[in-house]
Amino acid sequence: MASSSDRSSRDSGGDSSDDAVTGVALGITQEGGDWQVTRLDDSALTSLDDAARQVRSLRAEGASFGLVDVDHEYFVILRPGPSGLRLMLSDVTAALDYDLAADVLDELNVEAPDLTDEELEETDPWGEGDMAILEDLGLPEGVLEIIVSETDLYADEQLHSVAERMGFGDQLERHLPDA
């Protein structure tokens, strides 16, 4: 993820004080070895409960999970299952500005960082949660950790790296807005 000032310059939709959240929420399913990517309703960009409900509603014999890119600032991987909701947040500092990121940290029982604006500008983002969330589907924990640590990439670029490594990069590309 790029620095806060770099990220603000990428946003072509307005100033950073705008309450409108942009991005893309996708449901990913695997059946018979083939990946399917489905666009989720935009309410998944602001509500963890809604994102989880939408991913749960994807009927698949194989694995299913969600990828949520919020404002190109951070992303969430969520994977509902019988034992509960598994989560990974790419940037803990996003919880200072975004309800969805704060909700993910709450679900993970992790406190949001207490940083001043100056400290936030000087702090590199860091991920939190289940870095092995996609390991059984072909994305090793260490690889996800490396992708999350690539602070010069935007969230959509990081998700594209995830998709490429897992074999559904082309399908993902069709659902991402032009950057």
N, C-alpha and C. Protein backbone atom coordinates (compact mmCIF):
# COMPACT_ATOMS: atom_id res chain seq x y z
N MET A 1 0.83 -1.16 0.00
CA MET A 1 0.00 0.00 0.00
C MET A 1 0.88 1.23 0.00
N ALA A 2 0.48 2.17 -0.74
CA ALA A 2 1.25 3.40 -0.82
C ALA A 2 1.01 4.23 0.43
N SER A 3 1.83 5.26 0.60
CA SER A 3 1.65 6.12 1.76
C SER A 3 0.32 6.84 1.68
N SER A 4 -0.10 7.40 2.81
CA SER A 4 -1.39 8.08 2.85
C SER A 4 -1.48 9.19 1.83
N SER A 5 -0.42 9.97 1.67
CA SER A 5 -0.46 11.07 0.71
C SER A 5 -0.49 10.55 -0.72
N ASP A 6 0.22 9.44 -1.00
CA ASP A 6 0.17 8.84 -2.33
C ASP A 6 -1.22 8.32 -2.64
N ARG A 7 -1.84 7.69 -1.64
CA ARG A 7 -3.16 7.13 -1.84
C ARG A 7 -4.18 8.22 -2.12
N SER A 8 -4.09 9.33 -1.42
CA SER A 8 -5.05 10.42 -1.64
C SER A 8 -4.95 10.96 -3.05
N SER A 9 -3.75 11.02 -3.60
CA SER A 9 -3.58 11.54 -4.95
C SER A 9 -4.14 10.59 -5.99
N ARG A 10 -4.24 9.30 -5.67
CA ARG A 10 -4.78 8.35 -6.63
C ARG A 10 -6.30 8.46 -6.72
N ASP A 11 -6.93 8.84 -5.62
CA ASP A 11 -8.38 8.94 -5.60
C ASP A 11 -8.81 10.04 -6.54
N SER A 12 -9.46 9.65 -7.63
CA SER A 12 -9.91 10.63 -8.60
C SER A 12 -11.32 11.10 -8.30
N GLY A 13 -11.95 10.51 -7.29
CA GLY A 13 -13.34 10.80 -7.03
C GLY A 13 -13.59 11.92 -6.06
N GLY A 14 -12.60 12.56 -5.50
CA GLY A 14 -12.88 13.66 -4.58
C GLY A 14 -11.86 13.70 -3.47
N ASP A 15 -12.19 14.54 -2.46
CA ASP A 15 -11.25 14.70 -1.37
C ASP A 15 -11.40 13.59 -0.36
N SER A 16 -10.39 13.47 0.51
CA SER A 16 -10.34 12.35 1.43
C SER A 16 -11.36 12.48 2.56
N SER A 17 -12.00 13.65 2.73
CA SER A 17 -12.99 13.80 3.77
C SER A 17 -14.37 13.32 3.32
N ASP A 18 -14.50 12.93 2.07
CA ASP A 18 -15.76 12.44 1.54
C ASP A 18 -16.12 11.14 2.23
N ASP A 19 -17.38 11.04 2.71
CA ASP A 19 -17.82 9.85 3.42
C ASP A 19 -18.16 8.69 2.49
N ALA A 20 -18.30 8.95 1.21
CA ALA A 20 -18.64 7.87 0.27
C ALA A 20 -17.46 6.92 0.14
N VAL A 21 -17.75 5.65 0.29
CA VAL A 21 -16.71 4.61 0.18
C VAL A 21 -16.84 3.99 -1.20
N THR A 22 -15.71 3.86 -1.87
CA THR A 22 -15.69 3.22 -3.17
C THR A 22 -14.88 1.94 -3.07
N GLY A 23 -14.95 1.15 -4.08
CA GLY A 23 -14.18 -0.09 -4.09
C GLY A 23 -14.96 -1.18 -4.75
N VAL A 24 -14.56 -2.40 -4.47
CA VAL A 24 -15.24 -3.55 -5.05
C VAL A 24 -15.21 -4.70 -4.04
N ALA A 25 -16.34 -5.38 -3.95
CA ALA A 25 -16.46 -6.57 -3.09
C ALA A 25 -16.79 -7.75 -3.99
N LEU A 26 -16.01 -8.81 -3.87
CA LEU A 26 -16.16 -9.96 -4.75
C LEU A 26 -16.29 -11.25 -3.95
N GLY A 27 -17.14 -12.12 -4.43
CA GLY A 27 -17.25 -13.46 -3.89
C GLY A 27 -16.53 -14.41 -4.81
N ILE A 28 -15.71 -15.26 -4.25
CA ILE A 28 -14.91 -16.21 -5.02
C ILE A 28 -15.35 -17.61 -4.63
N THR A 29 -15.66 -18.43 -5.62
CA THR A 29 -16.03 -19.82 -5.36
C THR A 29 -15.21 -20.73 -6.25
N GLN A 30 -15.04 -21.95 -5.78
CA GLN A 30 -14.32 -22.94 -6.56
C GLN A 30 -15.17 -24.20 -6.62
N GLU A 31 -15.44 -24.64 -7.85
CA GLU A 31 -16.18 -25.88 -8.05
C GLU A 31 -15.49 -26.67 -9.13
N GLY A 32 -15.19 -27.91 -8.83
CA GLY A 32 -14.55 -28.77 -9.81
C GLY A 32 -13.21 -28.24 -10.30
N GLY A 33 -12.51 -27.50 -9.45
CA GLY A 33 -11.22 -26.95 -9.83
C GLY A 33 -11.27 -25.64 -10.57
N ASP A 34 -12.48 -25.16 -10.92
CA ASP A 34 -12.62 -23.89 -11.63
C ASP A 34 -13.05 -22.80 -10.67
N TRP A 35 -12.44 -21.62 -10.83
CA TRP A 35 -12.78 -20.47 -10.01
C TRP A 35 -13.88 -19.65 -10.68
N GLN A 36 -14.79 -19.16 -9.86
CA GLN A 36 -15.83 -18.24 -10.32
C GLN A 36 -15.75 -16.98 -9.46
N VAL A 37 -15.85 -15.83 -10.09
CA VAL A 37 -15.81 -14.56 -9.39
C VAL A 37 -17.15 -13.86 -9.60
N THR A 38 -17.77 -13.43 -8.50
CA THR A 38 -19.07 -12.78 -8.53
C THR A 38 -18.98 -11.45 -7.80
N ARG A 39 -19.51 -10.43 -8.40
CA ARG A 39 -19.54 -9.12 -7.74
C ARG A 39 -20.58 -9.14 -6.64
N LEU A 40 -20.20 -8.69 -5.45
CA LEU A 40 -21.12 -8.59 -4.33
C LEU A 40 -21.71 -7.18 -4.29
N ASP A 41 -22.79 -7.04 -3.58
CA ASP A 41 -23.43 -5.74 -3.42
C ASP A 41 -22.48 -4.78 -2.69
N ASP A 42 -22.55 -3.50 -3.04
CA ASP A 42 -21.65 -2.52 -2.45
C ASP A 42 -21.79 -2.37 -0.94
N SER A 43 -22.88 -2.85 -0.37
CA SER A 43 -23.03 -2.78 1.09
C SER A 43 -21.92 -3.57 1.79
N ALA A 44 -21.30 -4.51 1.09
CA ALA A 44 -20.19 -5.28 1.67
C ALA A 44 -18.94 -4.42 1.89
N LEU A 45 -18.92 -3.24 1.28
CA LEU A 45 -17.77 -2.33 1.46
C LEU A 45 -17.79 -1.65 2.82
N THR A 46 -18.93 -1.62 3.46
CA THR A 46 -19.05 -0.90 4.72
C THR A 46 -19.54 -1.75 5.89
N SER A 47 -20.01 -2.95 5.62
CA SER A 47 -20.57 -3.80 6.68
C SER A 47 -19.96 -5.19 6.64
N LEU A 48 -19.24 -5.54 7.69
CA LEU A 48 -18.66 -6.87 7.77
C LEU A 48 -19.77 -7.93 7.83
N ASP A 49 -20.81 -7.66 8.57
CA ASP A 49 -21.93 -8.61 8.65
C ASP A 49 -22.54 -8.85 7.28
N ASP A 50 -22.72 -7.77 6.52
CA ASP A 50 -23.32 -7.92 5.19
C ASP A 50 -22.37 -8.65 4.24
N ALA A 51 -21.09 -8.32 4.32
CA ALA A 51 -20.11 -9.02 3.47
C ALA A 51 -20.12 -10.51 3.77
N ALA A 52 -20.12 -10.87 5.05
CA ALA A 52 -20.13 -12.28 5.43
C ALA A 52 -21.42 -12.96 4.97
N ARG A 53 -22.55 -12.27 5.13
CA ARG A 53 -23.83 -12.83 4.70
C ARG A 53 -23.83 -13.10 3.20
N GLN A 54 -23.30 -12.15 2.43
CA GLN A 54 -23.27 -12.32 0.98
C GLN A 54 -22.35 -13.47 0.56
N VAL A 55 -21.22 -13.61 1.21
CA VAL A 55 -20.30 -14.71 0.87
C VAL A 55 -20.94 -16.04 1.27
N ARG A 56 -21.59 -16.08 2.43
CA ARG A 56 -22.28 -17.31 2.84
C ARG A 56 -23.36 -17.72 1.85
N SER A 57 -24.00 -16.72 1.21
CA SER A 57 -25.09 -17.02 0.28
C SER A 57 -24.62 -17.57 -1.05
N LEU A 58 -23.31 -17.52 -1.31
CA LEU A 58 -22.77 -18.10 -2.54
C LEU A 58 -22.79 -19.62 -2.38
N ARG A 59 -23.59 -20.25 -3.16
CA ARG A 59 -23.70 -21.71 -3.05
C ARG A 59 -22.65 -22.36 -3.92
N ALA A 60 -21.78 -23.13 -3.29
CA ALA A 60 -20.73 -23.81 -4.03
C ALA A 60 -20.40 -25.11 -3.31
N GLU A 61 -20.08 -26.12 -4.09
CA GLU A 61 -19.66 -27.39 -3.49
C GLU A 61 -18.25 -27.27 -2.92
N GLY A 62 -17.45 -26.39 -3.50
CA GLY A 62 -16.09 -26.20 -3.05
C GLY A 62 -15.97 -24.99 -2.14
N ALA A 63 -14.79 -24.46 -2.09
CA ALA A 63 -14.47 -23.34 -1.22
C ALA A 63 -15.13 -22.05 -1.69
N SER A 64 -15.40 -21.16 -0.74
CA SER A 64 -15.86 -19.81 -1.07
C SER A 64 -15.25 -18.83 -0.08
N PHE A 65 -14.96 -17.64 -0.57
CA PHE A 65 -14.42 -16.59 0.28
C PHE A 65 -14.69 -15.25 -0.39
N GLY A 66 -14.49 -14.18 0.37
CA GLY A 66 -14.71 -12.84 -0.16
C GLY A 66 -13.43 -12.03 -0.17
N LEU A 67 -13.33 -11.16 -1.17
CA LEU A 67 -12.25 -10.18 -1.28
C LEU A 67 -12.90 -8.81 -1.35
N VAL A 68 -12.53 -7.93 -0.45
CA VAL A 68 -13.13 -6.59 -0.41
C VAL A 68 -12.00 -5.56 -0.48
N ASP A 69 -12.02 -4.75 -1.53
CA ASP A 69 -11.06 -3.65 -1.73
C ASP A 69 -11.80 -2.36 -1.44
N VAL A 70 -11.37 -1.63 -0.42
CA VAL A 70 -12.03 -0.40 -0.02
C VAL A 70 -11.14 0.80 -0.36
N ASP A 71 -11.63 1.63 -1.27
CA ASP A 71 -10.97 2.88 -1.67
C ASP A 71 -9.52 2.69 -2.12
N HIS A 72 -9.16 1.52 -2.55
CA HIS A 72 -7.76 1.18 -2.91
C HIS A 72 -6.82 1.36 -1.73
N GLU A 73 -7.38 1.55 -0.52
CA GLU A 73 -6.58 1.80 0.68
C GLU A 73 -6.18 0.51 1.39
N TYR A 74 -7.11 -0.42 1.49
CA TYR A 74 -6.87 -1.66 2.20
C TYR A 74 -7.80 -2.72 1.64
N PHE A 75 -7.55 -3.98 2.01
CA PHE A 75 -8.45 -5.03 1.61
C PHE A 75 -8.69 -5.99 2.78
N VAL A 76 -9.80 -6.70 2.65
CA VAL A 76 -10.19 -7.70 3.63
C VAL A 76 -10.42 -9.00 2.87
N ILE A 77 -9.92 -10.09 3.43
CA ILE A 77 -10.27 -11.42 2.96
C ILE A 77 -11.12 -12.04 4.06
N LEU A 78 -12.30 -12.53 3.68
CA LEU A 78 -13.16 -13.16 4.67
C LEU A 78 -13.58 -14.53 4.17
N ARG A 79 -13.66 -15.44 5.10
CA ARG A 79 -13.99 -16.82 4.74
C ARG A 79 -14.88 -17.43 5.81
N PRO A 80 -16.19 -17.33 5.59
CA PRO A 80 -17.10 -17.94 6.55
C PRO A 80 -17.01 -19.46 6.48
N GLY A 81 -17.15 -20.09 7.62
CA GLY A 81 -17.12 -21.55 7.66
C GLY A 81 -17.89 -22.05 8.86
N PRO A 82 -17.99 -23.36 8.98
CA PRO A 82 -18.74 -23.94 10.09
C PRO A 82 -18.19 -23.55 11.47
N SER A 83 -16.89 -23.32 11.54
CA SER A 83 -16.28 -22.98 12.84
C SER A 83 -16.21 -21.48 13.08
N GLY A 84 -16.78 -20.68 12.19
CA GLY A 84 -16.77 -19.23 12.38
C GLY A 84 -16.21 -18.51 11.17
N LEU A 85 -16.05 -17.22 11.35
CA LEU A 85 -15.59 -16.34 10.28
C LEU A 85 -14.08 -16.13 10.40
N ARG A 86 -13.35 -16.53 9.36
CA ARG A 86 -11.91 -16.28 9.31
C ARG A 86 -11.69 -14.97 8.57
N LEU A 87 -10.77 -14.15 9.08
CA LEU A 87 -10.56 -12.81 8.54
C LEU A 87 -9.08 -12.46 8.42
N MET A 88 -8.78 -11.63 7.43
CA MET A 88 -7.46 -11.04 7.28
C MET A 88 -7.66 -9.60 6.80
N LEU A 89 -7.05 -8.67 7.50
CA LEU A 89 -7.10 -7.24 7.17
C LEU A 89 -5.70 -6.81 6.74
N SER A 90 -5.61 -6.18 5.57
CA SER A 90 -4.28 -5.84 5.02
C SER A 90 -3.63 -4.65 5.71
N ASP A 91 -4.41 -3.76 6.33
CA ASP A 91 -3.85 -2.55 6.93
C ASP A 91 -4.61 -2.20 8.20
N VAL A 92 -4.01 -2.47 9.33
CA VAL A 92 -4.62 -2.19 10.62
C VAL A 92 -4.90 -0.71 10.79
N THR A 93 -4.06 0.15 10.24
CA THR A 93 -4.26 1.59 10.42
C THR A 93 -5.52 2.09 9.71
N ALA A 94 -6.06 1.32 8.78
CA ALA A 94 -7.30 1.70 8.11
C ALA A 94 -8.47 1.78 9.10
N ALA A 95 -8.36 1.09 10.22
CA ALA A 95 -9.42 1.10 11.23
C ALA A 95 -9.60 2.50 11.83
N LEU A 96 -8.63 3.37 11.66
CA LEU A 96 -8.76 4.73 12.16
C LEU A 96 -9.73 5.55 11.32
N ASP A 97 -9.93 5.15 10.06
CA ASP A 97 -10.78 5.92 9.14
C ASP A 97 -11.96 5.16 8.57
N TYR A 98 -11.98 3.85 8.69
CA TYR A 98 -13.00 3.03 8.03
C TYR A 98 -13.68 2.09 9.01
N ASP A 99 -15.01 2.12 9.01
CA ASP A 99 -15.79 1.26 9.91
C ASP A 99 -15.58 -0.22 9.61
N LEU A 100 -15.49 -0.59 8.33
CA LEU A 100 -15.31 -2.00 8.00
C LEU A 100 -14.01 -2.53 8.61
N ALA A 101 -12.93 -1.78 8.47
CA ALA A 101 -11.65 -2.21 9.04
C ALA A 101 -11.74 -2.28 10.57
N ALA A 102 -12.42 -1.32 11.19
CA ALA A 102 -12.59 -1.35 12.64
C ALA A 102 -13.41 -2.57 13.06
N ASP A 103 -14.44 -2.90 12.27
CA ASP A 103 -15.25 -4.09 12.57
C ASP A 103 -14.44 -5.37 12.47
N VAL A 104 -13.54 -5.42 11.48
CA VAL A 104 -12.68 -6.61 11.35
C VAL A 104 -11.79 -6.74 12.58
N LEU A 105 -11.19 -5.63 13.01
CA LEU A 105 -10.35 -5.70 14.20
C LEU A 105 -11.16 -6.11 15.43
N ASP A 106 -12.39 -5.58 15.56
CA ASP A 106 -13.25 -5.99 16.67
C ASP A 106 -13.48 -7.50 16.65
N GLU A 107 -13.79 -8.03 15.47
CA GLU A 107 -14.05 -9.46 15.34
C GLU A 107 -12.79 -10.28 15.68
N LEU A 108 -11.62 -9.72 15.38
CA LEU A 108 -10.35 -10.38 15.67
C LEU A 108 -9.89 -10.16 17.12
N ASN A 109 -10.63 -9.32 17.87
CA ASN A 109 -10.25 -8.95 19.23
C ASN A 109 -8.89 -8.26 19.27
N VAL A 110 -8.69 -7.37 18.30
CA VAL A 110 -7.45 -6.59 18.22
C VAL A 110 -7.83 -5.11 18.32
N GLU A 111 -7.12 -4.38 19.14
CA GLU A 111 -7.40 -2.96 19.30
C GLU A 111 -6.82 -2.18 18.12
N ALA A 112 -7.57 -1.16 17.70
CA ALA A 112 -7.07 -0.26 16.66
C ALA A 112 -5.89 0.52 17.22
N PRO A 113 -4.92 0.84 16.40
CA PRO A 113 -3.77 1.59 16.90
C PRO A 113 -4.19 3.00 17.31
N ASP A 114 -3.52 3.53 18.30
CA ASP A 114 -3.77 4.88 18.78
C ASP A 114 -2.64 5.76 18.28
N LEU A 115 -2.84 6.34 17.09
CA LEU A 115 -1.79 7.12 16.44
C LEU A 115 -2.27 8.53 16.15
N THR A 116 -1.37 9.50 16.32
CA THR A 116 -1.67 10.86 15.89
C THR A 116 -1.55 10.91 14.37
N ASP A 117 -2.02 11.99 13.77
CA ASP A 117 -1.90 12.14 12.32
C ASP A 117 -0.44 12.09 11.87
N GLU A 118 0.45 12.69 12.66
CA GLU A 118 1.87 12.67 12.31
C GLU A 118 2.43 11.25 12.40
N GLU A 119 2.08 10.54 13.45
CA GLU A 119 2.55 9.17 13.60
C GLU A 119 2.00 8.28 12.48
N LEU A 120 0.75 8.52 12.10
CA LEU A 120 0.14 7.74 11.03
C LEU A 120 0.88 7.96 9.70
N GLU A 121 1.25 9.19 9.42
CA GLU A 121 2.00 9.50 8.18
C GLU A 121 3.33 8.78 8.14
N GLU A 122 3.94 8.57 9.29
CA GLU A 122 5.27 7.95 9.37
C GLU A 122 5.21 6.44 9.54
N THR A 123 4.01 5.91 9.71
CA THR A 123 3.87 4.48 10.00
C THR A 123 3.52 3.71 8.73
N ASP A 124 4.26 2.64 8.48
CA ASP A 124 3.91 1.73 7.39
C ASP A 124 2.72 0.90 7.82
N PRO A 125 1.81 0.64 6.90
CA PRO A 125 0.67 -0.22 7.25
C PRO A 125 1.12 -1.65 7.53
N TRP A 126 0.34 -2.35 8.34
CA TRP A 126 0.64 -3.75 8.61
C TRP A 126 -0.67 -4.54 8.68
N GLY A 127 -0.57 -5.80 8.33
CA GLY A 127 -1.75 -6.65 8.30
C GLY A 127 -1.99 -7.33 9.63
N GLU A 128 -3.21 -7.84 9.76
CA GLU A 128 -3.61 -8.54 10.98
C GLU A 128 -4.63 -9.61 10.61
N GLY A 129 -4.63 -10.67 11.37
CA GLY A 129 -5.62 -11.71 11.15
C GLY A 129 -4.99 -13.01 10.68
N ASP A 130 -5.78 -13.80 10.02
CA ASP A 130 -5.41 -15.15 9.61
C ASP A 130 -4.67 -15.13 8.27
N MET A 131 -3.35 -15.08 8.33
CA MET A 131 -2.56 -15.04 7.10
C MET A 131 -2.56 -16.39 6.37
N ALA A 132 -3.04 -17.43 7.03
CA ALA A 132 -3.15 -18.75 6.39
C ALA A 132 -4.57 -19.00 5.87
N ILE A 133 -5.36 -17.95 5.75
CA ILE A 133 -6.76 -18.05 5.39
C ILE A 133 -7.01 -18.77 4.06
N LEU A 134 -6.06 -18.66 3.13
CA LEU A 134 -6.21 -19.27 1.80
C LEU A 134 -5.18 -20.37 1.54
N GLU A 135 -4.47 -20.78 2.58
CA GLU A 135 -3.39 -21.74 2.40
C GLU A 135 -3.89 -23.07 1.83
N ASP A 136 -5.03 -23.56 2.29
CA ASP A 136 -5.53 -24.83 1.80
C ASP A 136 -6.04 -24.74 0.35
N LEU A 137 -6.13 -23.51 -0.16
CA LEU A 137 -6.56 -23.29 -1.55
C LEU A 137 -5.40 -22.93 -2.47
N GLY A 138 -4.18 -22.98 -1.94
CA GLY A 138 -3.02 -22.79 -2.79
C GLY A 138 -2.22 -21.52 -2.57
N LEU A 139 -2.59 -20.70 -1.59
CA LEU A 139 -1.82 -19.48 -1.31
C LEU A 139 -1.18 -19.61 0.07
N PRO A 140 0.11 -19.96 0.11
CA PRO A 140 0.78 -20.15 1.39
C PRO A 140 0.77 -18.88 2.25
N GLU A 141 0.74 -19.10 3.55
CA GLU A 141 0.74 -18.01 4.52
C GLU A 141 1.87 -17.02 4.26
N GLY A 142 3.06 -17.52 4.02
CA GLY A 142 4.20 -16.64 3.78
C GLY A 142 4.04 -15.77 2.55
N VAL A 143 3.41 -16.30 1.53
CA VAL A 143 3.19 -15.51 0.31
C VAL A 143 2.19 -14.39 0.57
N LEU A 144 1.11 -14.69 1.31
CA LEU A 144 0.15 -13.64 1.65
C LEU A 144 0.81 -12.57 2.51
N GLU A 145 1.65 -12.99 3.43
CA GLU A 145 2.36 -12.02 4.26
C GLU A 145 3.23 -11.10 3.41
N ILE A 146 3.90 -11.65 2.40
CA ILE A 146 4.73 -10.83 1.51
C ILE A 146 3.86 -9.86 0.71
N ILE A 147 2.73 -10.33 0.18
CA ILE A 147 1.84 -9.46 -0.59
C ILE A 147 1.35 -8.31 0.28
N VAL A 148 0.93 -8.61 1.50
CA VAL A 148 0.44 -7.57 2.41
C VAL A 148 1.54 -6.58 2.76
N SER A 149 2.77 -7.06 2.85
CA SER A 149 3.88 -6.17 3.22
C SER A 149 4.37 -5.29 2.07
N GLU A 150 3.88 -5.52 0.86
CA GLU A 150 4.26 -4.69 -0.29
C GLU A 150 3.56 -3.34 -0.21
N THR A 151 4.13 -2.44 0.58
CA THR A 151 3.47 -1.17 0.88
C THR A 151 3.47 -0.20 -0.29
N ASP A 152 4.19 -0.50 -1.36
CA ASP A 152 4.16 0.36 -2.53
C ASP A 152 3.02 0.01 -3.48
N LEU A 153 2.26 -1.04 -3.17
CA LEU A 153 1.12 -1.45 -3.99
C LEU A 153 -0.19 -0.98 -3.35
N TYR A 154 -1.15 -0.65 -4.19
CA TYR A 154 -2.50 -0.35 -3.71
C TYR A 154 -3.24 -1.65 -3.47
N ALA A 155 -4.34 -1.57 -2.73
CA ALA A 155 -5.09 -2.77 -2.35
C ALA A 155 -5.54 -3.58 -3.56
N ASP A 156 -6.01 -2.90 -4.62
CA ASP A 156 -6.45 -3.65 -5.80
C ASP A 156 -5.29 -4.38 -6.46
N GLU A 157 -4.11 -3.80 -6.42
CA GLU A 157 -2.92 -4.46 -6.97
C GLU A 157 -2.51 -5.65 -6.12
N GLN A 158 -2.65 -5.52 -4.81
CA GLN A 158 -2.34 -6.63 -3.92
C GLN A 158 -3.33 -7.79 -4.16
N LEU A 159 -4.61 -7.46 -4.31
CA LEU A 159 -5.60 -8.50 -4.57
C LEU A 159 -5.36 -9.16 -5.92
N HIS A 160 -4.90 -8.39 -6.88
CA HIS A 160 -4.58 -8.98 -8.18
C HIS A 160 -3.43 -9.98 -8.02
N SER A 161 -2.45 -9.66 -7.19
CA SER A 161 -1.36 -10.60 -6.91
C SER A 161 -1.88 -11.88 -6.28
N VAL A 162 -2.81 -11.75 -5.34
CA VAL A 162 -3.43 -12.93 -4.72
C VAL A 162 -4.11 -13.77 -5.80
N ALA A 163 -4.93 -13.11 -6.62
CA ALA A 163 -5.69 -13.82 -7.65
C ALA A 163 -4.77 -14.50 -8.67
N GLU A 164 -3.74 -13.83 -9.09
CA GLU A 164 -2.80 -14.41 -10.06
C GLU A 164 -2.15 -15.67 -9.48
N ARG A 165 -1.72 -15.59 -8.24
CA ARG A 165 -1.05 -16.73 -7.63
C ARG A 165 -2.01 -17.90 -7.41
N MET A 166 -3.30 -17.60 -7.27
CA MET A 166 -4.28 -18.67 -7.03
C MET A 166 -4.93 -19.17 -8.32
N GLY A 167 -4.70 -18.45 -9.42
CA GLY A 167 -5.19 -18.92 -10.71
C GLY A 167 -6.51 -18.33 -11.19
N PHE A 168 -6.95 -17.22 -10.59
CA PHE A 168 -8.17 -16.60 -11.09
C PHE A 168 -7.97 -15.11 -11.40
N GLY A 169 -6.75 -14.77 -11.80
CA GLY A 169 -6.42 -13.38 -12.13
C GLY A 169 -7.27 -12.81 -13.25
N ASP A 170 -7.49 -13.58 -14.32
CA ASP A 170 -8.29 -13.10 -15.44
C ASP A 170 -9.73 -12.85 -15.03
N GLN A 171 -10.30 -13.75 -14.24
CA GLN A 171 -11.67 -13.58 -13.78
C GLN A 171 -11.79 -12.35 -12.88
N LEU A 172 -10.81 -12.15 -12.00
CA LEU A 172 -10.81 -10.99 -11.13
C LEU A 172 -10.75 -9.70 -11.94
N GLU A 173 -9.87 -9.69 -12.92
CA GLU A 173 -9.66 -8.50 -13.75
C GLU A 173 -10.97 -8.01 -14.39
N ARG A 174 -11.82 -8.92 -14.78
CA ARG A 174 -13.09 -8.54 -15.41
C ARG A 174 -14.03 -7.81 -14.44
N HIS A 175 -13.82 -7.96 -13.16
CA HIS A 175 -14.71 -7.35 -12.17
C HIS A 175 -14.13 -6.11 -11.51
N LEU A 176 -12.89 -5.78 -11.80
CA LEU A 176 -12.29 -4.60 -11.20
C LEU A 176 -12.54 -3.38 -12.06
N PRO A 177 -12.90 -2.25 -11.44
CA PRO A 177 -13.05 -1.02 -12.22
C PRO A 177 -11.69 -0.59 -12.75
N ASP A 178 -11.72 0.13 -13.83
CA ASP A 178 -10.45 0.63 -14.40
C ASP A 178 -9.80 1.57 -13.41
N ALA A 179 -8.51 1.32 -13.15
CA ALA A 179 -7.79 2.15 -12.18
C ALA A 179 -7.27 3.41 -12.83
